[in-house]
Amino acid sequence: MRKTLFSLLALLPLTAFAVTPKMVTLEVPTMTCPVCPITVKKALVKVPGVSAVSVDYEGKTATVVFDAEITQPDALTRATKEAGYPSSVRK
């Protein structure tokens, strides 16, 4: 998990740090083929405020870094659901 956070944060431009980014992991149990993560990632990066996405097919999760002043986790789960992959926030 720590390696994932650092690799995601390394992708962010320096201006993204004007606001402290939030990170959430979504459970995406309906990813059943190796192509599914591509669709999930495309859906999440389209959400305003999302700055980085990492999808783990084997773990059936998506880790998202976002600006909480622009979006919230419910918008992220809505995006995956609309793409055909219902998700929930990992507790």
PDB file of N, CA and C in Angstrom:
ATOM      1  N   MET A   1       0.828  -1.190   0.000  1.00  0.00           N
ATOM      2  CA  MET A   1       0.000   0.000   0.000  1.00  0.00           C
ATOM      3  C   MET A   1       0.874   1.255   0.000  1.00  0.00           C
ATOM      4  N   ARG A   2       1.915   1.253   0.798  1.00  0.00           N
ATOM      5  CA  ARG A   2       2.777   2.429   0.891  1.00  0.00           C
ATOM      6  C   ARG A   2       3.450   2.709  -0.447  1.00  0.00           C
ATOM      7  N   LYS A   3       3.919   1.653  -1.102  1.00  0.00           N
ATOM      8  CA  LYS A   3       4.549   1.811  -2.414  1.00  0.00           C
ATOM      9  C   LYS A   3       3.545   2.402  -3.407  1.00  0.00           C
ATOM     10  N   THR A   4       2.303   1.947  -3.358  1.00  0.00           N
ATOM     11  CA  THR A   4       1.259   2.462  -4.248  1.00  0.00           C
ATOM     12  C   THR A   4       1.036   3.941  -4.011  1.00  0.00           C
ATOM     13  N   LEU A   5       0.966   4.368  -2.767  1.00  0.00           N
ATOM     14  CA  LEU A   5       0.751   5.779  -2.447  1.00  0.00           C
ATOM     15  C   LEU A   5       1.874   6.627  -3.007  1.00  0.00           C
ATOM     16  N   PHE A   6       3.101   6.216  -2.770  1.00  0.00           N
ATOM     17  CA  PHE A   6       4.240   6.995  -3.255  1.00  0.00           C
ATOM     18  C   PHE A   6       4.283   7.040  -4.773  1.00  0.00           C
ATOM     19  N   SER A   7       3.969   5.927  -5.421  1.00  0.00           N
ATOM     20  CA  SER A   7       3.985   5.926  -6.879  1.00  0.00           C
ATOM     21  C   SER A   7       2.858   6.781  -7.431  1.00  0.00           C
ATOM     22  N   LEU A   8       1.710   6.803  -6.763  1.00  0.00           N
ATOM     23  CA  LEU A   8       0.612   7.664  -7.202  1.00  0.00           C
ATOM     24  C   LEU A   8       0.953   9.133  -6.992  1.00  0.00           C
ATOM     25  N   LEU A   9       1.518   9.456  -5.849  1.00  0.00           N
ATOM     26  CA  LEU A   9       1.858  10.846  -5.566  1.00  0.00           C
ATOM     27  C   LEU A   9       2.955  11.350  -6.487  1.00  0.00           C
ATOM     28  N   ALA A  10       3.835  10.481  -6.932  1.00  0.00           N
ATOM     29  CA  ALA A  10       4.902  10.883  -7.841  1.00  0.00           C
ATOM     30  C   ALA A  10       4.352  11.329  -9.190  1.00  0.00           C
ATOM     31  N   LEU A  11       3.141  10.873  -9.521  1.00  0.00           N
ATOM     32  CA  LEU A  11       2.521  11.235 -10.796  1.00  0.00           C
ATOM     33  C   LEU A  11       1.885  12.616 -10.773  1.00  0.00           C
ATOM     34  N   LEU A  12       1.708  13.173  -9.593  1.00  0.00           N
ATOM     35  CA  LEU A  12       1.010  14.444  -9.467  1.00  0.00           C
ATOM     36  C   LEU A  12       1.910  15.626  -9.795  1.00  0.00           C
ATOM     37  N   PRO A  13       1.353  16.619 -10.484  1.00  0.00           N
ATOM     38  CA  PRO A  13       2.140  17.842 -10.680  1.00  0.00           C
ATOM     39  C   PRO A  13       2.259  18.583  -9.352  1.00  0.00           C
ATOM     40  N   LEU A  14       3.278  19.406  -9.212  1.00  0.00           N
ATOM     41  CA  LEU A  14       3.491  20.120  -7.956  1.00  0.00           C
ATOM     42  C   LEU A  14       2.305  21.003  -7.597  1.00  0.00           C
ATOM     43  N   THR A  15       1.591  21.540  -8.566  1.00  0.00           N
ATOM     44  CA  THR A  15       0.434  22.392  -8.272  1.00  0.00           C
ATOM     45  C   THR A  15      -0.675  21.617  -7.591  1.00  0.00           C
ATOM     46  N   ALA A  16      -0.676  20.302  -7.717  1.00  0.00           N
ATOM     47  CA  ALA A  16      -1.714  19.493  -7.079  1.00  0.00           C
ATOM     48  C   ALA A  16      -1.595  19.529  -5.560  1.00  0.00           C
ATOM     49  N   PHE A  17      -0.422  19.946  -5.050  1.00  0.00           N
ATOM     50  CA  PHE A  17      -0.220  19.949  -3.613  1.00  0.00           C
ATOM     51  C   PHE A  17      -0.684  21.244  -2.943  1.00  0.00           C
ATOM     52  N   ALA A  18      -1.295  22.147  -3.696  1.00  0.00           N
ATOM     53  CA  ALA A  18      -1.855  23.362  -3.112  1.00  0.00           C
ATOM     54  C   ALA A  18      -2.948  22.976  -2.117  1.00  0.00           C
ATOM     55  N   VAL A  19      -3.651  21.905  -2.398  1.00  0.00           N
ATOM     56  CA  VAL A  19      -4.650  21.341  -1.500  1.00  0.00           C
ATOM     57  C   VAL A  19      -4.177  19.930  -1.184  1.00  0.00           C
ATOM     58  N   THR A  20      -4.309  19.520   0.059  1.00  0.00           N
ATOM     59  CA  THR A  20      -3.880  18.180   0.435  1.00  0.00           C
ATOM     60  C   THR A  20      -4.753  17.154  -0.271  1.00  0.00           C
ATOM     61  N   PRO A  21      -4.144  16.281  -1.089  1.00  0.00           N
ATOM     62  CA  PRO A  21      -4.949  15.287  -1.799  1.00  0.00           C
ATOM     63  C   PRO A  21      -5.456  14.212  -0.841  1.00  0.00           C
ATOM     64  N   LYS A  22      -6.583  13.666  -1.175  1.00  0.00           N
ATOM     65  CA  LYS A  22      -7.164  12.553  -0.418  1.00  0.00           C
ATOM     66  C   LYS A  22      -6.956  11.296  -1.242  1.00  0.00           C
ATOM     67  N   MET A  23      -6.915  10.171  -0.559  1.00  0.00           N
ATOM     68  CA  MET A  23      -6.784   8.896  -1.244  1.00  0.00           C
ATOM     69  C   MET A  23      -7.838   7.942  -0.719  1.00  0.00           C
ATOM     70  N   VAL A  24      -8.453   7.196  -1.630  1.00  0.00           N
ATOM     71  CA  VAL A  24      -9.453   6.213  -1.251  1.00  0.00           C
ATOM     72  C   VAL A  24      -9.223   4.958  -2.087  1.00  0.00           C
ATOM     73  N   THR A  25      -9.512   3.819  -1.496  1.00  0.00           N
ATOM     74  CA  THR A  25      -9.445   2.556  -2.223  1.00  0.00           C
ATOM     75  C   THR A  25     -10.863   2.048  -2.407  1.00  0.00           C
ATOM     76  N   LEU A  26     -11.195   1.741  -3.646  1.00  0.00           N
ATOM     77  CA  LEU A  26     -12.509   1.216  -3.979  1.00  0.00           C
ATOM     78  C   LEU A  26     -12.420  -0.286  -4.222  1.00  0.00           C
ATOM     79  N   GLU A  27     -13.384  -1.015  -3.702  1.00  0.00           N
ATOM     80  CA  GLU A  27     -13.519  -2.442  -3.988  1.00  0.00           C
ATOM     81  C   GLU A  27     -14.333  -2.537  -5.274  1.00  0.00           C
ATOM     82  N   VAL A  28     -13.812  -3.242  -6.283  1.00  0.00           N
ATOM     83  CA  VAL A  28     -14.503  -3.386  -7.565  1.00  0.00           C
ATOM     84  C   VAL A  28     -14.591  -4.890  -7.873  1.00  0.00           C
ATOM     85  N   PRO A  29     -15.529  -5.589  -7.222  1.00  0.00           N
ATOM     86  CA  PRO A  29     -15.565  -7.052  -7.311  1.00  0.00           C
ATOM     87  C   PRO A  29     -15.965  -7.601  -8.684  1.00  0.00           C
ATOM     88  N   THR A  30     -16.553  -6.772  -9.541  1.00  0.00           N
ATOM     89  CA  THR A  30     -17.029  -7.281 -10.833  1.00  0.00           C
ATOM     90  C   THR A  30     -15.977  -7.240 -11.934  1.00  0.00           C
ATOM     91  N   MET A  31     -14.731  -6.895 -11.605  1.00  0.00           N
ATOM     92  CA  MET A  31     -13.665  -6.969 -12.610  1.00  0.00           C
ATOM     93  C   MET A  31     -13.318  -8.444 -12.800  1.00  0.00           C
ATOM     94  N   THR A  32     -13.711  -8.999 -13.947  1.00  0.00           N
ATOM     95  CA  THR A  32     -13.544 -10.433 -14.164  1.00  0.00           C
ATOM     96  C   THR A  32     -12.586 -10.786 -15.293  1.00  0.00           C
ATOM     97  N   CYS A  33     -12.049  -9.778 -15.971  1.00  0.00           N
ATOM     98  CA  CYS A  33     -11.098 -10.068 -17.047  1.00  0.00           C
ATOM     99  C   CYS A  33      -9.977  -9.025 -17.014  1.00  0.00           C
ATOM    100  N   PRO A  34      -8.850  -9.319 -17.620  1.00  0.00           N
ATOM    101  CA  PRO A  34      -7.715  -8.387 -17.591  1.00  0.00           C
ATOM    102  C   PRO A  34      -7.980  -7.042 -18.267  1.00  0.00           C
ATOM    103  N   VAL A  35      -9.024  -6.941 -19.080  1.00  0.00           N
ATOM    104  CA  VAL A  35      -9.348  -5.678 -19.757  1.00  0.00           C
ATOM    105  C   VAL A  35     -10.200  -4.774 -18.860  1.00  0.00           C
ATOM    106  N   CYS A  36     -10.884  -5.328 -17.895  1.00  0.00           N
ATOM    107  CA  CYS A  36     -11.766  -4.554 -17.005  1.00  0.00           C
ATOM    108  C   CYS A  36     -11.072  -3.358 -16.350  1.00  0.00           C
ATOM    109  N   PRO A  37      -9.845  -3.498 -15.848  1.00  0.00           N
ATOM    110  CA  PRO A  37      -9.192  -2.355 -15.204  1.00  0.00           C
ATOM    111  C   PRO A  37      -9.036  -1.138 -16.118  1.00  0.00           C
ATOM    112  N   ILE A  38      -8.908  -1.374 -17.404  1.00  0.00           N
ATOM    113  CA  ILE A  38      -8.783  -0.255 -18.341  1.00  0.00           C
ATOM    114  C   ILE A  38     -10.051   0.588 -18.319  1.00  0.00           C
ATOM    115  N   THR A  39     -11.197  -0.063 -18.359  1.00  0.00           N
ATOM    116  CA  THR A  39     -12.482   0.646 -18.334  1.00  0.00           C
ATOM    117  C   THR A  39     -12.689   1.362 -17.010  1.00  0.00           C
ATOM    118  N   VAL A  40     -12.349   0.686 -15.910  1.00  0.00           N
ATOM    119  CA  VAL A  40     -12.498   1.295 -14.586  1.00  0.00           C
ATOM    120  C   VAL A  40     -11.617   2.540 -14.480  1.00  0.00           C
ATOM    121  N   LYS A  41     -10.379   2.437 -14.913  1.00  0.00           N
ATOM    122  CA  LYS A  41      -9.464   3.574 -14.833  1.00  0.00           C
ATOM    123  C   LYS A  41      -9.957   4.730 -15.697  1.00  0.00           C
ATOM    124  N   LYS A  42     -10.397   4.450 -16.910  1.00  0.00           N
ATOM    125  CA  LYS A  42     -10.909   5.498 -17.800  1.00  0.00           C
ATOM    126  C   LYS A  42     -12.095   6.223 -17.169  1.00  0.00           C
ATOM    127  N   ALA A  43     -12.976   5.480 -16.516  1.00  0.00           N
ATOM    128  CA  ALA A  43     -14.141   6.092 -15.864  1.00  0.00           C
ATOM    129  C   ALA A  43     -13.711   6.998 -14.716  1.00  0.00           C
ATOM    130  N   LEU A  44     -12.730   6.568 -13.934  1.00  0.00           N
ATOM    131  CA  LEU A  44     -12.308   7.339 -12.767  1.00  0.00           C
ATOM    132  C   LEU A  44     -11.518   8.589 -13.134  1.00  0.00           C
ATOM    133  N   VAL A  45     -10.664   8.506 -14.144  1.00  0.00           N
ATOM    134  CA  VAL A  45      -9.866   9.689 -14.492  1.00  0.00           C
ATOM    135  C   VAL A  45     -10.722  10.804 -15.090  1.00  0.00           C
ATOM    136  N   LYS A  46     -11.915  10.477 -15.539  1.00  0.00           N
ATOM    137  CA  LYS A  46     -12.823  11.494 -16.085  1.00  0.00           C
ATOM    138  C   LYS A  46     -13.516  12.305 -14.996  1.00  0.00           C
ATOM    139  N   VAL A  47     -13.498  11.827 -13.766  1.00  0.00           N
ATOM    140  CA  VAL A  47     -14.153  12.529 -12.663  1.00  0.00           C
ATOM    141  C   VAL A  47     -13.331  13.778 -12.323  1.00  0.00           C
ATOM    142  N   PRO A  48     -13.959  14.953 -12.349  1.00  0.00           N
ATOM    143  CA  PRO A  48     -13.227  16.184 -11.996  1.00  0.00           C
ATOM    144  C   PRO A  48     -12.618  16.067 -10.595  1.00  0.00           C
ATOM    145  N   GLY A  49     -11.378  16.492 -10.463  1.00  0.00           N
ATOM    146  CA  GLY A  49     -10.698  16.454  -9.170  1.00  0.00           C
ATOM    147  C   GLY A  49      -9.807  15.245  -8.975  1.00  0.00           C
ATOM    148  N   VAL A  50      -9.951  14.232  -9.825  1.00  0.00           N
ATOM    149  CA  VAL A  50      -9.118  13.036  -9.717  1.00  0.00           C
ATOM    150  C   VAL A  50      -7.761  13.336 -10.339  1.00  0.00           C
ATOM    151  N   SER A  51      -6.700  13.049  -9.596  1.00  0.00           N
ATOM    152  CA  SER A  51      -5.358  13.336 -10.090  1.00  0.00           C
ATOM    153  C   SER A  51      -4.542  12.082 -10.384  1.00  0.00           C
ATOM    154  N   ALA A  52      -4.925  10.940  -9.830  1.00  0.00           N
ATOM    155  CA  ALA A  52      -4.202   9.694 -10.098  1.00  0.00           C
ATOM    156  C   ALA A  52      -5.096   8.499  -9.793  1.00  0.00           C
ATOM    157  N   VAL A  53      -4.920   7.445 -10.601  1.00  0.00           N
ATOM    158  CA  VAL A  53      -5.691   6.211 -10.409  1.00  0.00           C
ATOM    159  C   VAL A  53      -4.761   5.025 -10.630  1.00  0.00           C
ATOM    160  N   SER A  54      -4.855   4.050  -9.747  1.00  0.00           N
ATOM    161  CA  SER A  54      -4.129   2.797  -9.893  1.00  0.00           C
ATOM    162  C   SER A  54      -5.136   1.669  -9.689  1.00  0.00           C
ATOM    163  N   VAL A  55      -5.250   0.783 -10.685  1.00  0.00           N
ATOM    164  CA  VAL A  55      -6.220  -0.310 -10.599  1.00  0.00           C
ATOM    165  C   VAL A  55      -5.469  -1.626 -10.467  1.00  0.00           C
ATOM    166  N   ASP A  56      -5.892  -2.438  -9.502  1.00  0.00           N
ATOM    167  CA  ASP A  56      -5.294  -3.743  -9.251  1.00  0.00           C
ATOM    168  C   ASP A  56      -6.312  -4.823  -9.604  1.00  0.00           C
ATOM    169  N   TYR A  57      -6.123  -5.451 -10.756  1.00  0.00           N
ATOM    170  CA  TYR A  57      -7.065  -6.484 -11.219  1.00  0.00           C
ATOM    171  C   TYR A  57      -7.121  -7.662 -10.257  1.00  0.00           C
ATOM    172  N   GLU A  58      -5.961  -8.167  -9.853  1.00  0.00           N
ATOM    173  CA  GLU A  58      -5.936  -9.333  -8.976  1.00  0.00           C
ATOM    174  C   GLU A  58      -6.596  -9.049  -7.631  1.00  0.00           C
ATOM    175  N   GLY A  59      -6.380  -7.856  -7.092  1.00  0.00           N
ATOM    176  CA  GLY A  59      -6.984  -7.486  -5.819  1.00  0.00           C
ATOM    177  C   GLY A  59      -8.386  -6.931  -5.957  1.00  0.00           C
ATOM    178  N   LYS A  60      -8.805  -6.689  -7.207  1.00  0.00           N
ATOM    179  CA  LYS A  60     -10.130  -6.136  -7.514  1.00  0.00           C
ATOM    180  C   LYS A  60     -10.370  -4.820  -6.778  1.00  0.00           C
ATOM    181  N   THR A  61      -9.347  -3.939  -6.857  1.00  0.00           N
ATOM    182  CA  THR A  61      -9.443  -2.626  -6.215  1.00  0.00           C
ATOM    183  C   THR A  61      -8.968  -1.534  -7.165  1.00  0.00           C
ATOM    184  N   ALA A  62      -9.386  -0.333  -6.843  1.00  0.00           N
ATOM    185  CA  ALA A  62      -8.896   0.862  -7.529  1.00  0.00           C
ATOM    186  C   ALA A  62      -8.542   1.873  -6.449  1.00  0.00           C
ATOM    187  N   THR A  63      -7.319   2.390  -6.494  1.00  0.00           N
ATOM    188  CA  THR A  63      -6.874   3.394  -5.543  1.00  0.00           C
ATOM    189  C   THR A  63      -6.869   4.729  -6.274  1.00  0.00           C
ATOM    190  N   VAL A  64      -7.543   5.714  -5.687  1.00  0.00           N
ATOM    191  CA  VAL A  64      -7.748   6.997  -6.357  1.00  0.00           C
ATOM    192  C   VAL A  64      -7.249   8.134  -5.474  1.00  0.00           C
ATOM    193  N   VAL A  65      -6.471   9.036  -6.052  1.00  0.00           N
ATOM    194  CA  VAL A  65      -6.038  10.258  -5.379  1.00  0.00           C
ATOM    195  C   VAL A  65      -6.876  11.379  -5.979  1.00  0.00           C
ATOM    196  N   PHE A  66      -7.495  12.179  -5.101  1.00  0.00           N
ATOM    197  CA  PHE A  66      -8.406  13.209  -5.577  1.00  0.00           C
ATOM    198  C   PHE A  66      -8.401  14.424  -4.667  1.00  0.00           C
ATOM    199  N   ASP A  67      -8.931  15.526  -5.185  1.00  0.00           N
ATOM    200  CA  ASP A  67      -9.082  16.772  -4.444  1.00  0.00           C
ATOM    201  C   ASP A  67     -10.475  16.771  -3.828  1.00  0.00           C
ATOM    202  N   ALA A  68     -10.544  16.710  -2.506  1.00  0.00           N
ATOM    203  CA  ALA A  68     -11.829  16.629  -1.800  1.00  0.00           C
ATOM    204  C   ALA A  68     -12.651  17.905  -1.910  1.00  0.00           C
ATOM    205  N   GLU A  69     -12.036  18.992  -2.354  1.00  0.00           N
ATOM    206  CA  GLU A  69     -12.798  20.222  -2.566  1.00  0.00           C
ATOM    207  C   GLU A  69     -13.548  20.185  -3.891  1.00  0.00           C
ATOM    208  N   ILE A  70     -13.180  19.247  -4.755  1.00  0.00           N
ATOM    209  CA  ILE A  70     -13.808  19.152  -6.073  1.00  0.00           C
ATOM    210  C   ILE A  70     -14.722  17.939  -6.185  1.00  0.00           C
ATOM    211  N   THR A  71     -14.322  16.822  -5.596  1.00  0.00           N
ATOM    212  CA  THR A  71     -15.122  15.604  -5.702  1.00  0.00           C
ATOM    213  C   THR A  71     -15.108  14.839  -4.388  1.00  0.00           C
ATOM    214  N   GLN A  72     -15.954  13.829  -4.310  1.00  0.00           N
ATOM    215  CA  GLN A  72     -16.084  12.994  -3.121  1.00  0.00           C
ATOM    216  C   GLN A  72     -16.140  11.534  -3.545  1.00  0.00           C
ATOM    217  N   PRO A  73     -15.924  10.604  -2.617  1.00  0.00           N
ATOM    218  CA  PRO A  73     -15.946   9.182  -2.959  1.00  0.00           C
ATOM    219  C   PRO A  73     -17.246   8.710  -3.623  1.00  0.00           C
ATOM    220  N   ASP A  74     -18.377   9.316  -3.284  1.00  0.00           N
ATOM    221  CA  ASP A  74     -19.630   8.882  -3.921  1.00  0.00           C
ATOM    222  C   ASP A  74     -19.618   9.148  -5.425  1.00  0.00           C
ATOM    223  N   ALA A  75     -18.938  10.204  -5.868  1.00  0.00           N
ATOM    224  CA  ALA A  75     -18.812  10.477  -7.301  1.00  0.00           C
ATOM    225  C   ALA A  75     -17.927   9.424  -7.968  1.00  0.00           C
ATOM    226  N   LEU A  76     -16.953   8.920  -7.238  1.00  0.00           N
ATOM    227  CA  LEU A  76     -16.068   7.889  -7.772  1.00  0.00           C
ATOM    228  C   LEU A  76     -16.819   6.567  -7.935  1.00  0.00           C
ATOM    229  N   THR A  77     -17.582   6.184  -6.928  1.00  0.00           N
ATOM    230  CA  THR A  77     -18.350   4.940  -7.023  1.00  0.00           C
ATOM    231  C   THR A  77     -19.442   5.062  -8.087  1.00  0.00           C
ATOM    232  N   ARG A  78     -20.012   6.236  -8.239  1.00  0.00           N
ATOM    233  CA  ARG A  78     -21.015   6.466  -9.281  1.00  0.00           C
ATOM    234  C   ARG A  78     -20.379   6.300 -10.673  1.00  0.00           C
ATOM    235  N   ALA A  79     -19.162   6.808 -10.837  1.00  0.00           N
ATOM    236  CA  ALA A  79     -18.466   6.703 -12.123  1.00  0.00           C
ATOM    237  C   ALA A  79     -18.197   5.245 -12.497  1.00  0.00           C
ATOM    238  N   THR A  80     -17.757   4.448 -11.544  1.00  0.00           N
ATOM    239  CA  THR A  80     -17.499   3.042 -11.862  1.00  0.00           C
ATOM    240  C   THR A  80     -18.805   2.302 -12.135  1.00  0.00           C
ATOM    241  N   LYS A  81     -19.838   2.622 -11.392  1.00  0.00           N
ATOM    242  CA  LYS A  81     -21.142   1.980 -11.608  1.00  0.00           C
ATOM    243  C   LYS A  81     -21.665   2.295 -13.002  1.00  0.00           C
ATOM    244  N   GLU A  82     -21.556   3.560 -13.406  1.00  0.00           N
ATOM    245  CA  GLU A  82     -22.029   3.960 -14.730  1.00  0.00           C
ATOM    246  C   GLU A  82     -21.213   3.306 -15.843  1.00  0.00           C
ATOM    247  N   ALA A  83     -19.979   2.917 -15.543  1.00  0.00           N
ATOM    248  CA  ALA A  83     -19.133   2.229 -16.519  1.00  0.00           C
ATOM    249  C   ALA A  83     -19.399   0.718 -16.517  1.00  0.00           C
ATOM    250  N   GLY A  84     -20.293   0.271 -15.643  1.00  0.00           N
ATOM    251  CA  GLY A  84     -20.634  -1.151 -15.584  1.00  0.00           C
ATOM    252  C   GLY A  84     -19.905  -1.935 -14.512  1.00  0.00           C
ATOM    253  N   TYR A  85     -19.217  -1.220 -13.621  1.00  0.00           N
ATOM    254  CA  TYR A  85     -18.445  -1.876 -12.563  1.00  0.00           C
ATOM    255  C   TYR A  85     -18.776  -1.262 -11.209  1.00  0.00           C
ATOM    256  N   PRO A  86     -19.873  -1.694 -10.587  1.00  0.00           N
ATOM    257  CA  PRO A  86     -20.220  -1.150  -9.276  1.00  0.00           C
ATOM    258  C   PRO A  86     -19.058  -1.308  -8.282  1.00  0.00           C
ATOM    259  N   SER A  87     -18.877  -0.290  -7.452  1.00  0.00           N
ATOM    260  CA  SER A  87     -17.790  -0.340  -6.476  1.00  0.00           C
ATOM    261  C   SER A  87     -18.273   0.202  -5.147  1.00  0.00           C
ATOM    262  N   SER A  88     -17.452  -0.016  -4.137  1.00  0.00           N
ATOM    263  CA  SER A  88     -17.735   0.527  -2.808  1.00  0.00           C
ATOM    264  C   SER A  88     -16.410   0.943  -2.192  1.00  0.00           C
ATOM    265  N   VAL A  89     -16.487   1.874  -1.260  1.00  0.00           N
ATOM    266  CA  VAL A  89     -15.288   2.351  -0.580  1.00  0.00           C
ATOM    267  C   VAL A  89     -14.828   1.292   0.403  1.00  0.00           C
ATOM    268  N   ARG A  90     -13.557   0.943   0.341  1.00  0.00           N
ATOM    269  CA  ARG A  90     -12.985  -0.021   1.280  1.00  0.00           C
ATOM    270  C   ARG A  90     -12.930   0.626   2.649  1.00  0.00           C
ATOM    271  N   LYS A  91     -13.381  -0.084   3.636  1.00  0.00           N
ATOM    272  CA  LYS A  91     -13.401   0.428   5.022  1.00  0.00           C
ATOM    273  C   LYS A  91     -12.095   0.161   5.700  1.00  0.00           C
TER     274      LYS A  91
END
